[in-house]
Amino acid sequence: MLLYRICLVVFLSIVLPGCSETMKYPNSPNFNKQTARFQHPKGDLHDKSVLDLFKFFSSYFTRESDEKENAGFPVLLSSKKDLATFKENVMWVGHSTLLLNHSDLTIMTDPQFSDRASPFSFMGPKRVTPSPFEIADLPRIDIVVISHNHYDHLDEASIREIAKTQPSVEFLVPLGLKSLLEHWGAKNVTELDWWQHVQRKGVTIQPTPVQHWSKRTFFDRNKTLWSGWMMQWSDFAFYFAGDAGYSSDFKETVKKLGSPDLAAIPIGAYEPREFMKSAHINPEEAVKVFSDLGAKYAISIHWGTYKLTLEPMNEPPIRLKSVLKAAGVDSKNFRTLKHGEMWPEVLPN
């Protein structure tokens, strides 16, 4: 019991540590000059008290047994040889990591290959479903996009290895994260504000607003920005939601940029609902997001890889299937892929 309390206090005092350098972006409309923090137009809806955090982590550490937390989910493995011919395709690698190739450009989202989504090797959310391949097996990656700095989305070991094995890769990140990735060895990092865009090899890429937050230390809450990402070719558009609570941001994105052909939408890590609602959408809200975006197809992300919250790990895809049926949406259009599964049919022929 004493060890448990010590670990809990350490975890809460750190609350996902990392770089705590203070940065200022007064020219960003999303940066609050008074608080020196980034802020969603609706405010910081996920600013929990110490008591709220204690209750959540107490529930997390004392939660009921979850069969899938030990068994994990099926994985479709890919070899280096398999990935060498990865063209005009999209793969769900796991959690929020996707690999997409179109028009000779390969993009990876939120690479996370570590055994724990945590600053510690001995505690914190553990990987329950193995990665379908190793970083060393990756084909040439042109661009990595990062949604925000939480440990399950921004992993130091993964970034370091990608930067080492593929030094020419470009990392696109929300404001405030450039120096951290450079510290980890990344040579080519571009940071962007919401709606700013870059063009690379025929694709326009830009971060978009989502309702979320950032934090890697006890002292750096919302010192860096968070985002979704829209990627638009002349014949195809892909939207990566990253991590988000439900908001009007998805409709606003469509209003400004149009609907994507394919969207990656989170469906997991939503319980306890009162605690998670402002930061994580549930399956019912995921279907709303699919509708708001007007997407032709969607891939479920943010489930089945790490044990993050209190719902059973196999609940999100089961619940999503039920919600899709009730909403009259064909589950063939909003798919829950296996780890490592590809879906080439959603790319233009």
Protein backbone atom coordinates (compact mmCIF):
# COMPACT_ATOMS: atom_id res chain seq x y z
CA MET A 1 0.00 0.00 0.00
CA LEU A 2 2.85 2.38 0.81
CA LEU A 3 4.51 1.66 -2.53
CA TYR A 4 1.20 2.24 -4.30
CA ARG A 5 0.77 5.61 -2.61
CA ILE A 6 4.32 6.66 -3.42
CA CYS A 7 3.88 5.69 -7.08
CA LEU A 8 0.55 7.50 -7.23
CA VAL A 9 1.99 10.67 -5.74
CA VAL A 10 4.95 10.55 -8.13
CA PHE A 11 2.66 9.99 -11.10
CA LEU A 12 0.33 12.81 -10.11
CA SER A 13 3.15 15.24 -9.34
CA ILE A 14 4.74 14.56 -12.71
CA VAL A 15 1.48 14.09 -14.68
CA LEU A 16 3.24 13.09 -17.87
CA PRO A 17 6.63 14.86 -17.75
CA GLY A 18 8.89 16.15 -20.48
CA CYS A 19 10.12 19.52 -21.63
CA SER A 20 8.86 22.46 -19.57
CA GLU A 21 10.55 25.32 -21.42
CA THR A 22 8.40 28.46 -21.40
CA MET A 23 7.64 29.75 -24.88
CA LYS A 24 5.57 32.73 -25.99
CA TYR A 25 3.60 33.09 -29.20
CA PRO A 26 1.88 36.49 -28.86
CA ASN A 27 1.07 36.64 -32.57
CA SER A 28 -1.04 33.49 -32.42
CA PRO A 29 -4.77 34.12 -31.97
CA ASN A 30 -4.83 30.90 -29.97
CA PHE A 31 -2.27 32.10 -27.42
CA ASN A 32 -3.57 33.85 -24.29
CA LYS A 33 -1.06 36.59 -23.46
CA GLN A 34 -2.35 36.96 -19.91
CA THR A 35 -1.88 33.31 -18.97
CA ALA A 36 0.97 32.65 -21.46
CA ARG A 37 -0.85 29.52 -22.52
CA PHE A 38 -2.68 28.29 -25.58
CA GLN A 39 -6.42 28.20 -25.27
CA HIS A 40 -9.35 26.78 -27.19
CA PRO A 41 -12.08 29.35 -27.88
CA LYS A 42 -14.28 27.55 -25.35
CA GLY A 43 -11.56 27.75 -22.69
CA ASP A 44 -9.70 24.98 -20.87
CA LEU A 45 -12.54 22.55 -20.25
CA HIS A 46 -10.26 19.76 -19.03
CA ASP A 47 -8.54 21.67 -16.22
CA LYS A 48 -9.13 19.19 -13.41
CA SER A 49 -8.49 19.71 -9.71
CA VAL A 50 -5.96 17.65 -7.79
CA LEU A 51 -8.91 15.83 -6.20
CA ASP A 52 -10.34 14.98 -9.64
CA LEU A 53 -6.96 13.62 -10.72
CA PHE A 54 -6.57 11.63 -7.54
CA LYS A 55 -10.01 10.06 -7.97
CA PHE A 56 -9.30 9.13 -11.58
CA PHE A 57 -5.88 7.61 -10.99
CA SER A 58 -7.14 5.83 -7.88
CA SER A 59 -9.87 4.27 -10.03
CA TYR A 60 -7.33 3.48 -12.75
CA PHE A 61 -4.97 1.65 -10.40
CA THR A 62 -7.80 -0.22 -8.65
CA ARG A 63 -9.93 -0.95 -11.74
CA GLU A 64 -11.53 -4.32 -12.40
CA SER A 65 -9.68 -6.90 -14.43
CA ASP A 66 -9.95 -6.42 -18.21
CA GLU A 67 -9.44 -9.59 -20.24
CA LYS A 68 -8.11 -7.72 -23.27
CA GLU A 69 -5.59 -5.87 -21.11
CA ASN A 70 -3.70 -9.14 -20.93
CA ALA A 71 -4.71 -10.81 -24.20
CA GLY A 72 -4.55 -7.80 -26.52
CA PHE A 73 -6.01 -7.84 -30.03
CA PRO A 74 -5.09 -9.61 -33.29
CA VAL A 75 -2.18 -8.13 -35.22
CA LEU A 76 -1.43 -8.39 -38.94
CA LEU A 77 2.36 -8.39 -39.12
CA SER A 78 4.33 -6.73 -41.92
CA SER A 79 7.97 -7.34 -42.77
CA LYS A 80 10.48 -4.82 -44.09
CA LYS A 81 9.98 -6.44 -47.51
CA ASP A 82 6.19 -6.04 -47.26
CA LEU A 83 6.49 -2.36 -46.38
CA ALA A 84 8.97 -1.67 -49.16
CA THR A 85 6.05 -1.88 -51.59
CA PHE A 86 3.63 0.18 -49.46
CA LYS A 87 2.03 2.34 -52.17
CA GLU A 88 -1.40 3.97 -52.53
CA ASN A 89 -2.44 2.52 -49.21
CA VAL A 90 -3.31 3.32 -45.61
CA MET A 91 -2.57 1.19 -42.55
CA TRP A 92 -3.69 1.49 -38.94
CA VAL A 93 -0.49 0.70 -37.07
CA GLY A 94 -2.12 1.06 -33.65
CA HIS A 95 -3.51 3.71 -31.28
CA SER A 96 -3.26 6.99 -33.27
CA THR A 97 -0.42 5.85 -35.53
CA LEU A 98 -1.30 5.54 -39.20
CA LEU A 99 0.83 5.06 -42.29
CA LEU A 100 -0.50 6.56 -45.53
CA ASN A 101 0.98 6.74 -49.01
CA HIS A 102 -0.50 8.68 -51.90
CA SER A 103 1.09 10.19 -55.01
CA ASP A 104 4.55 9.05 -53.94
CA LEU A 105 4.32 10.77 -50.55
CA THR A 106 4.35 8.76 -47.32
CA ILE A 107 2.96 10.26 -44.12
CA MET A 108 2.93 8.87 -40.59
CA THR A 109 0.76 10.21 -37.77
CA ASP A 110 1.67 10.30 -34.06
CA PRO A 111 4.27 7.49 -34.12
CA GLN A 112 4.10 5.52 -30.88
CA PHE A 113 5.98 2.21 -30.74
CA SER A 114 6.97 2.02 -27.07
CA ASP A 115 5.85 -0.53 -24.49
CA ARG A 116 4.34 2.19 -22.30
CA ALA A 117 2.73 5.53 -23.05
CA SER A 118 4.47 6.96 -20.03
CA PRO A 119 7.66 8.62 -18.83
CA PHE A 120 8.36 5.50 -16.79
CA SER A 121 9.40 2.03 -17.92
CA PHE A 122 7.75 0.40 -14.90
CA MET A 123 4.38 2.14 -14.64
CA GLY A 124 1.82 4.05 -16.63
CA PRO A 125 -0.39 2.91 -19.53
CA LYS A 126 1.07 -0.24 -21.03
CA ARG A 127 0.95 -1.49 -24.59
CA VAL A 128 -1.33 -4.50 -24.70
CA THR A 129 -1.27 -5.09 -28.47
CA PRO A 130 2.14 -5.35 -30.16
CA SER A 131 3.16 -3.18 -33.07
CA PRO A 132 2.79 -4.89 -36.47
CA PHE A 133 6.40 -3.99 -37.34
CA GLU A 134 9.49 -2.24 -35.99
CA ILE A 135 10.58 1.29 -36.83
CA ALA A 136 13.61 -0.18 -38.62
CA ASP A 137 11.19 -1.88 -41.06
CA LEU A 138 9.53 1.36 -42.18
CA PRO A 139 9.73 2.45 -45.80
CA ARG A 140 10.98 5.96 -46.53
CA ILE A 141 8.80 8.39 -44.58
CA ASP A 142 8.47 11.88 -46.02
CA ILE A 143 6.43 13.54 -43.29
CA VAL A 144 5.47 12.81 -39.69
CA VAL A 145 2.60 14.85 -38.23
CA ILE A 146 2.16 15.23 -34.48
CA SER A 147 -1.20 16.12 -32.93
CA HIS A 148 -0.01 17.12 -29.44
CA ASN A 149 2.45 16.33 -26.68
CA HIS A 150 0.66 13.74 -24.52
CA TYR A 151 2.71 10.60 -24.07
CA ASP A 152 0.42 8.31 -26.04
CA HIS A 153 0.81 10.62 -29.06
CA LEU A 154 4.32 12.04 -28.75
CA ASP A 155 6.82 9.35 -27.79
CA GLU A 156 10.45 10.29 -27.28
CA ALA A 157 11.94 6.89 -28.09
CA SER A 158 9.94 6.60 -31.32
CA ILE A 159 10.87 10.11 -32.46
CA ARG A 160 14.54 9.56 -31.65
CA GLU A 161 14.68 6.33 -33.62
CA ILE A 162 12.83 7.72 -36.63
CA ALA A 163 15.06 10.80 -36.64
CA LYS A 164 18.15 8.56 -36.45
CA THR A 165 17.14 6.00 -39.08
CA GLN A 166 15.49 8.52 -41.43
CA PRO A 167 17.26 11.86 -40.92
CA SER A 168 15.57 13.46 -43.95
CA VAL A 169 12.03 13.03 -42.59
CA GLU A 170 10.15 16.28 -41.91
CA PHE A 171 8.18 16.61 -38.69
CA LEU A 172 5.13 18.89 -38.78
CA VAL A 173 4.05 19.93 -35.28
CA PRO A 174 1.72 22.40 -33.56
CA LEU A 175 3.26 25.57 -32.11
CA GLY A 176 5.69 25.05 -29.25
CA LEU A 177 6.97 21.56 -30.03
CA LYS A 178 9.82 22.30 -32.42
CA SER A 179 12.56 22.72 -29.82
CA LEU A 180 11.60 19.50 -28.04
CA LEU A 181 11.80 17.40 -31.20
CA GLU A 182 15.07 19.06 -32.17
CA HIS A 183 16.39 18.15 -28.71
CA TRP A 184 15.50 14.55 -29.51
CA GLY A 185 17.51 14.62 -32.74
CA ALA A 186 15.00 15.71 -35.39
CA LYS A 187 16.76 17.78 -38.07
CA ASN A 188 13.79 19.08 -40.03
CA VAL A 189 10.90 20.37 -37.90
CA THR A 190 8.21 22.84 -38.96
CA GLU A 191 5.76 24.15 -36.38
CA LEU A 192 2.43 25.62 -37.40
CA ASP A 193 -0.55 27.39 -35.90
CA TRP A 194 -4.15 26.34 -36.60
CA TRP A 195 -5.03 26.98 -40.25
CA GLN A 196 -1.44 27.72 -41.30
CA HIS A 197 -0.44 25.50 -44.20
CA VAL A 198 2.57 24.13 -46.03
CA GLN A 199 2.77 22.47 -49.41
CA ARG A 200 4.89 19.40 -49.95
CA LYS A 201 5.05 17.39 -53.19
CA GLY A 202 1.55 18.29 -54.28
CA VAL A 203 -0.22 18.08 -50.93
CA THR A 204 -1.41 20.95 -48.74
CA ILE A 205 -1.06 20.14 -45.03
CA GLN A 206 -2.38 22.20 -42.15
CA PRO A 207 -3.29 21.85 -38.47
CA THR A 208 -6.92 22.42 -37.54
CA PRO A 209 -8.62 23.29 -34.25
CA VAL A 210 -9.83 20.55 -31.93
CA GLN A 211 -11.01 20.68 -28.33
CA HIS A 212 -8.16 19.22 -26.29
CA TRP A 213 -5.16 20.29 -24.20
CA SER A 214 -1.44 19.68 -23.75
CA LYS A 215 0.85 18.75 -20.87
CA ARG A 216 4.08 16.84 -20.27
CA THR A 217 5.07 18.21 -16.86
CA PHE A 218 3.39 19.55 -13.79
CA PHE A 219 4.29 23.07 -14.94
CA ASP A 220 3.67 23.23 -18.70
CA ARG A 221 -0.06 22.84 -19.12
CA ASN A 222 -1.12 24.22 -22.52
CA LYS A 223 2.30 25.77 -23.15
CA THR A 224 2.21 24.02 -26.53
CA LEU A 225 -0.63 23.81 -29.04
CA TRP A 226 -2.62 20.73 -30.05
CA SER A 227 -4.40 20.05 -33.34
CA GLY A 228 -6.10 17.87 -35.89
CA TRP A 229 -4.56 17.77 -39.39
CA MET A 230 -6.01 18.11 -42.87
CA MET A 231 -4.01 16.84 -45.85
CA GLN A 232 -5.30 17.70 -49.32
CA TRP A 233 -4.08 16.46 -52.67
CA SER A 234 -5.81 17.43 -55.93
CA ASP A 235 -7.72 14.12 -55.94
CA PHE A 236 -7.83 13.04 -52.29
CA ALA A 237 -8.17 14.52 -48.80
CA PHE A 238 -7.29 12.92 -45.45
CA TYR A 239 -8.27 14.27 -42.05
CA PHE A 240 -6.52 13.13 -38.86
CA ALA A 241 -8.46 14.13 -35.74
CA GLY A 242 -5.61 13.32 -33.35
CA ASP A 243 -7.25 13.54 -29.94
CA ALA A 244 -10.37 15.56 -29.23
CA GLY A 245 -13.52 16.14 -27.29
CA TYR A 246 -16.67 16.72 -29.33
CA SER A 247 -17.07 20.32 -30.49
CA SER A 248 -18.12 22.45 -33.44
CA ASP A 249 -14.52 22.45 -34.70
CA PHE A 250 -15.20 19.61 -37.12
CA LYS A 251 -17.99 21.54 -38.85
CA GLU A 252 -15.77 24.62 -38.92
CA THR A 253 -12.99 22.62 -40.55
CA VAL A 254 -15.34 21.48 -43.31
CA LYS A 255 -16.63 25.03 -43.74
CA LYS A 256 -13.09 26.30 -44.32
CA LEU A 257 -11.44 23.37 -46.06
CA GLY A 258 -14.15 21.06 -47.38
CA SER A 259 -14.88 17.43 -46.51
CA PRO A 260 -12.19 14.75 -46.47
CA ASP A 261 -12.43 11.51 -48.39
CA LEU A 262 -10.96 9.64 -45.42
CA ALA A 263 -10.95 10.56 -41.73
CA ALA A 264 -9.16 8.99 -38.77
CA ILE A 265 -11.52 9.39 -35.81
CA PRO A 266 -10.88 8.40 -32.15
CA ILE A 267 -13.38 6.04 -30.55
CA GLY A 268 -11.77 5.03 -27.23
CA ALA A 269 -10.51 6.25 -23.82
CA TYR A 270 -13.79 7.87 -22.78
CA GLU A 271 -14.61 6.57 -19.27
CA PRO A 272 -15.29 7.82 -16.64
CA ARG A 273 -17.41 10.00 -18.90
CA GLU A 274 -17.61 13.10 -16.71
CA PHE A 275 -13.81 13.16 -16.42
CA MET A 276 -13.06 12.42 -20.09
CA LYS A 277 -15.90 14.10 -21.99
CA SER A 278 -14.11 17.39 -22.67
CA ALA A 279 -11.01 15.68 -24.09
CA HIS A 280 -12.08 12.36 -25.65
CA ILE A 281 -15.03 11.53 -27.86
CA ASN A 282 -16.94 8.27 -27.38
CA PRO A 283 -18.39 6.05 -30.16
CA GLU A 284 -21.66 7.99 -30.28
CA GLU A 285 -19.76 11.25 -30.72
CA ALA A 286 -17.39 9.62 -33.23
CA VAL A 287 -20.36 8.96 -35.50
CA LYS A 288 -21.39 12.61 -35.10
CA VAL A 289 -17.87 13.64 -36.10
CA PHE A 290 -18.09 11.39 -39.17
CA SER A 291 -21.34 13.14 -40.11
CA ASP A 292 -20.00 16.63 -39.31
CA LEU A 293 -16.98 16.03 -41.54
CA GLY A 294 -19.04 14.63 -44.38
CA ALA A 295 -16.29 12.06 -44.89
CA LYS A 296 -16.73 9.21 -47.33
CA TYR A 297 -14.77 6.78 -45.16
CA ALA A 298 -13.36 6.66 -41.64
CA ILE A 299 -10.87 4.58 -39.66
CA SER A 300 -11.31 4.10 -35.91
CA ILE A 301 -8.24 5.12 -33.92
CA HIS A 302 -7.28 5.66 -30.26
CA TRP A 303 -8.43 2.28 -28.96
CA GLY A 304 -7.12 -1.25 -28.36
CA THR A 305 -3.39 -0.50 -28.07
CA TYR A 306 -2.89 0.99 -24.59
CA LYS A 307 -5.00 0.63 -21.49
CA LEU A 308 -5.68 4.31 -20.81
CA THR A 309 -9.09 4.58 -19.16
CA LEU A 310 -11.78 2.57 -17.42
CA GLU A 311 -14.03 1.19 -20.18
CA PRO A 312 -13.30 -2.44 -21.22
CA MET A 313 -10.81 -2.35 -24.07
CA ASN A 314 -13.07 -4.26 -26.47
CA GLU A 315 -16.06 -2.00 -25.80
CA PRO A 316 -15.31 0.89 -28.23
CA PRO A 317 -15.52 -1.13 -31.50
CA ILE A 318 -18.56 -3.10 -30.27
CA ARG A 319 -20.32 0.08 -29.24
CA LEU A 320 -19.35 1.82 -32.50
CA LYS A 321 -20.86 -0.97 -34.56
CA SER A 322 -24.14 -0.62 -32.66
CA VAL A 323 -24.18 3.17 -33.03
CA LEU A 324 -23.45 2.98 -36.76
CA LYS A 325 -26.33 0.58 -37.24
CA ALA A 326 -28.71 2.80 -35.29
CA ALA A 327 -27.59 5.83 -37.33
CA GLY A 328 -28.03 3.99 -40.62
CA VAL A 329 -24.33 4.27 -41.48
CA ASP A 330 -22.73 1.36 -43.32
CA SER A 331 -19.99 -0.11 -41.11
CA LYS A 332 -18.02 -0.77 -44.31
CA ASN A 333 -17.55 3.00 -44.57
CA PHE A 334 -16.47 3.55 -40.94
CA ARG A 335 -14.18 0.63 -40.27
CA THR A 336 -12.49 -0.72 -37.21
CA LEU A 337 -9.31 -2.22 -38.62
CA LYS A 338 -7.06 -4.77 -36.97
CA HIS A 339 -3.65 -3.58 -35.85
CA GLY A 340 -1.51 -3.61 -38.98
CA GLU A 341 -4.48 -3.92 -41.34
CA MET A 342 -4.42 -2.01 -44.64
CA TRP A 343 -7.34 -0.44 -46.52
CA PRO A 344 -6.13 0.42 -50.04
CA GLU A 345 -9.65 0.73 -51.48
CA VAL A 346 -10.13 4.20 -49.93
CA LEU A 347 -7.29 5.67 -52.02
CA PRO A 348 -7.94 6.92 -55.58
CA ASN A 349 -7.25 4.32 -58.26
